[in-house]
């Protein structure tokens, strides 16, 4: 059976472990954005920074940040959960993507993994989530994230009608002394 938000909702302990990776499946009452061509976007969750996860009719998962950035981050709900488990810092991978460079994203993922403050907690959460859902590890979550964001084409708009920008940001890990040193 494919992993869906409804299937996940029956797994309270797994939902709690995902919460430790900054994913909540509580949704906002009133949407603060629109997606062109979709009358009622289905928000399935949020993160601690105020961003929203949206399940599109195509079953892609789109992330809408509270800072005006948006894009598809996974081809399915299951791929989304695999991404979060493999790289709970996935949003930082995009921040340090050097404008959408896959090589830079891989460097960022390696550096971010090396700088985890709570590595034991993250690894325990990964193990508990994968075991609770009988979920295999993702083959190439950074490559899948790159492909999903690069293919994003639907326009997300704020309530004032202004369009959101891409999730790829212009920074590289070379802009961060901590990450640059971790990558060395």
Protein backbone atom coordinates (compact mmCIF):
# COMPACT_ATOMS: atom_id res chain seq x y z
CA UNK A 1 0.00 0.00 0.00
CA UNK A 2 1.47 3.40 -0.94
CA UNK A 3 2.21 5.81 1.86
CA UNK A 4 -0.37 8.59 2.02
CA UNK A 5 -1.18 11.26 4.61
CA UNK A 6 -4.17 9.14 5.66
CA UNK A 7 -2.02 6.02 6.20
CA UNK A 8 0.55 8.06 8.11
CA UNK A 9 -2.14 9.57 10.34
CA UNK A 10 -2.79 6.10 11.78
CA UNK A 11 0.85 5.87 12.89
CA UNK A 12 0.92 8.21 15.90
CA UNK A 13 4.41 7.25 17.06
CA UNK A 14 5.87 7.77 13.57
CA UNK A 15 4.12 11.13 13.31
CA UNK A 16 5.74 12.11 16.62
CA UNK A 17 9.19 11.08 15.33
CA UNK A 18 8.64 13.13 12.17
CA UNK A 19 7.78 16.04 14.46
CA UNK A 20 11.26 15.71 15.93
CA UNK A 21 12.52 16.31 12.36
CA UNK A 22 10.50 19.57 12.14
CA UNK A 23 7.48 18.26 10.22
CA UNK A 24 4.01 18.75 11.66
CA UNK A 25 0.87 17.38 10.09
CA UNK A 26 -1.32 20.08 11.59
CA UNK A 27 -2.53 22.52 8.95
CA UNK A 28 -3.48 26.19 8.92
CA UNK A 29 -7.17 27.02 8.95
CA UNK A 30 -6.93 29.67 6.25
CA UNK A 31 -4.49 29.28 3.36
CA UNK A 32 -2.17 32.28 2.99
CA UNK A 33 -1.26 31.45 -0.59
CA UNK A 34 -2.81 30.23 -3.82
CA UNK A 35 -1.51 27.88 -6.50
CA UNK A 36 -2.42 28.87 -10.07
CA UNK A 37 -4.76 26.30 -11.59
CA UNK A 38 -5.69 24.64 -8.27
CA UNK A 39 -8.86 25.86 -6.63
CA UNK A 40 -8.24 24.52 -3.13
CA UNK A 41 -4.64 23.48 -2.47
CA UNK A 42 -4.55 20.61 0.06
CA UNK A 43 -2.19 21.61 2.84
CA UNK A 44 -1.00 18.44 4.59
CA UNK A 45 1.43 19.91 7.08
CA UNK A 46 3.88 22.59 8.06
CA UNK A 47 7.32 23.16 9.48
CA UNK A 48 8.63 25.24 12.35
CA UNK A 49 9.47 28.22 10.15
CA UNK A 50 5.86 28.70 9.02
CA UNK A 51 6.19 26.93 5.68
CA UNK A 52 3.43 24.70 4.33
CA UNK A 53 3.50 21.29 2.66
CA UNK A 54 0.87 20.89 -0.04
CA UNK A 55 -0.22 17.67 -1.74
CA UNK A 56 -1.09 18.52 -5.33
CA UNK A 57 -3.65 16.64 -7.45
CA UNK A 58 -0.68 15.12 -9.34
CA UNK A 59 0.44 13.69 -5.95
CA UNK A 60 3.59 15.86 -5.99
CA UNK A 61 4.42 17.56 -2.71
CA UNK A 62 5.00 21.29 -2.91
CA UNK A 63 6.64 23.38 -0.21
CA UNK A 64 5.55 26.98 0.28
CA UNK A 65 7.85 29.00 2.53
CA UNK A 66 6.76 31.90 4.67
CA UNK A 67 9.55 33.92 3.00
CA UNK A 68 8.04 33.89 -0.50
CA UNK A 69 9.67 30.81 -2.04
CA UNK A 70 7.87 27.74 -3.36
CA UNK A 71 8.44 24.62 -5.38
CA UNK A 72 7.78 20.93 -5.71
CA UNK A 73 10.09 18.99 -3.39
CA UNK A 74 8.98 15.39 -3.98
CA UNK A 75 7.20 13.33 -6.63
CA UNK A 76 4.94 11.67 -4.05
CA UNK A 77 4.06 11.73 -0.37
CA UNK A 78 6.27 8.70 0.22
CA UNK A 79 9.21 10.40 -1.52
CA UNK A 80 8.59 13.44 0.69
CA UNK A 81 8.81 11.36 3.87
CA UNK A 82 11.96 9.65 2.57
CA UNK A 83 13.51 13.08 1.89
CA UNK A 84 12.71 14.38 5.37
CA UNK A 85 14.09 11.22 6.97
CA UNK A 86 17.29 11.20 4.90
CA UNK A 87 17.89 14.96 5.08
CA UNK A 88 15.83 16.77 7.72
CA UNK A 89 17.86 19.85 6.73
CA UNK A 90 16.61 19.60 3.10
CA UNK A 91 15.62 23.27 3.09
CA UNK A 92 19.20 24.24 3.94
CA UNK A 93 20.42 22.07 1.06
CA UNK A 94 18.33 24.31 -1.20
CA UNK A 95 19.57 27.44 0.57
CA UNK A 96 23.16 26.44 -0.23
CA UNK A 97 22.42 25.18 -3.77
CA UNK A 98 24.32 28.00 -5.55
CA UNK A 99 21.26 28.78 -7.64
CA UNK A 100 20.31 25.16 -8.31
CA UNK A 101 23.63 23.38 -8.85
CA UNK A 102 23.33 19.65 -8.07
CA UNK A 103 27.03 19.32 -7.19
CA UNK A 104 26.70 22.18 -4.68
CA UNK A 105 23.58 20.58 -3.22
CA UNK A 106 25.48 17.34 -2.63
CA UNK A 107 28.32 19.27 -0.98
CA UNK A 108 25.80 21.05 1.22
CA UNK A 109 24.14 17.76 2.22
CA UNK A 110 27.50 16.27 3.23
CA UNK A 111 28.51 19.38 5.19
CA UNK A 112 25.13 19.69 6.91
CA UNK A 113 25.20 16.02 7.92
CA UNK A 114 28.69 16.52 9.37
CA UNK A 115 27.50 19.45 11.49
CA UNK A 116 24.42 17.88 13.06
CA UNK A 117 24.30 18.86 16.73
CA UNK A 118 21.91 16.06 17.61
CA UNK A 119 23.19 13.28 15.35
CA UNK A 120 22.17 10.49 17.74
CA UNK A 121 18.63 11.86 18.03
CA UNK A 122 18.31 12.28 14.26
CA UNK A 123 19.62 8.76 13.63
CA UNK A 124 17.19 7.35 16.19
CA UNK A 125 14.31 9.23 14.51
CA UNK A 126 15.41 7.92 11.11
CA UNK A 127 15.49 4.35 12.41
CA UNK A 128 12.12 4.63 14.17
CA UNK A 129 10.37 6.19 11.15
CA UNK A 130 11.78 3.72 8.64
CA UNK A 131 10.97 0.79 10.92
CA UNK A 132 7.50 2.04 11.80
CA UNK A 133 6.56 2.55 8.16
CA UNK A 134 8.63 -0.31 6.71
CA UNK A 135 10.15 2.42 4.56
CA UNK A 136 13.31 1.74 2.56
CA UNK A 137 16.04 4.35 2.35
CA UNK A 138 15.80 6.74 -0.57
CA UNK A 139 18.22 5.95 -3.40
CA UNK A 140 19.33 9.51 -4.16
CA UNK A 141 17.27 12.00 -2.14
CA UNK A 142 19.42 15.00 -3.08
CA UNK A 143 19.14 14.18 -6.79
CA UNK A 144 15.39 13.64 -6.43
CA UNK A 145 15.06 16.98 -4.60
CA UNK A 146 17.01 18.73 -7.35
CA UNK A 147 14.87 17.13 -10.09
CA UNK A 148 11.62 18.03 -8.31
CA UNK A 149 12.51 21.67 -7.67
CA UNK A 150 13.97 22.11 -11.17
CA UNK A 151 10.73 20.79 -12.71
CA UNK A 152 8.45 23.01 -10.59
CA UNK A 153 6.21 24.95 -12.92
CA UNK A 154 3.01 25.90 -11.08
CA UNK A 155 2.97 29.47 -9.81
CA UNK A 156 2.31 30.05 -6.12
CA UNK A 157 1.04 33.47 -5.11
CA UNK A 158 0.74 35.38 -1.86
CA UNK A 159 -2.68 36.72 -0.93
CA UNK A 160 -1.74 40.04 -2.58
CA UNK A 161 -1.18 38.21 -5.89
CA UNK A 162 2.62 38.48 -5.98
CA UNK A 163 4.34 35.31 -7.23
CA UNK A 164 6.73 33.32 -5.08
CA UNK A 165 10.28 32.62 -6.28
CA UNK A 166 12.13 29.33 -6.66
CA UNK A 167 13.35 27.32 -3.67
CA UNK A 168 16.88 27.32 -5.09
CA UNK A 169 18.90 29.99 -3.31
CA UNK A 170 22.13 31.60 -4.48
CA UNK A 171 24.38 30.68 -1.55
CA UNK A 172 26.93 27.87 -1.52
CA UNK A 173 28.56 26.29 1.51
CA UNK A 174 31.58 28.45 0.72
CA UNK A 175 29.49 31.40 2.03
CA UNK A 176 29.30 29.74 5.45
CA UNK A 177 32.55 29.30 7.41
CA UNK A 178 31.01 26.51 9.51
CA UNK A 179 29.85 24.52 6.48
CA UNK A 180 32.96 25.28 4.46
CA UNK A 181 35.10 23.89 7.29
CA UNK A 182 32.87 20.82 7.66
CA UNK A 183 33.28 20.06 3.97
CA UNK A 184 37.06 20.33 4.12
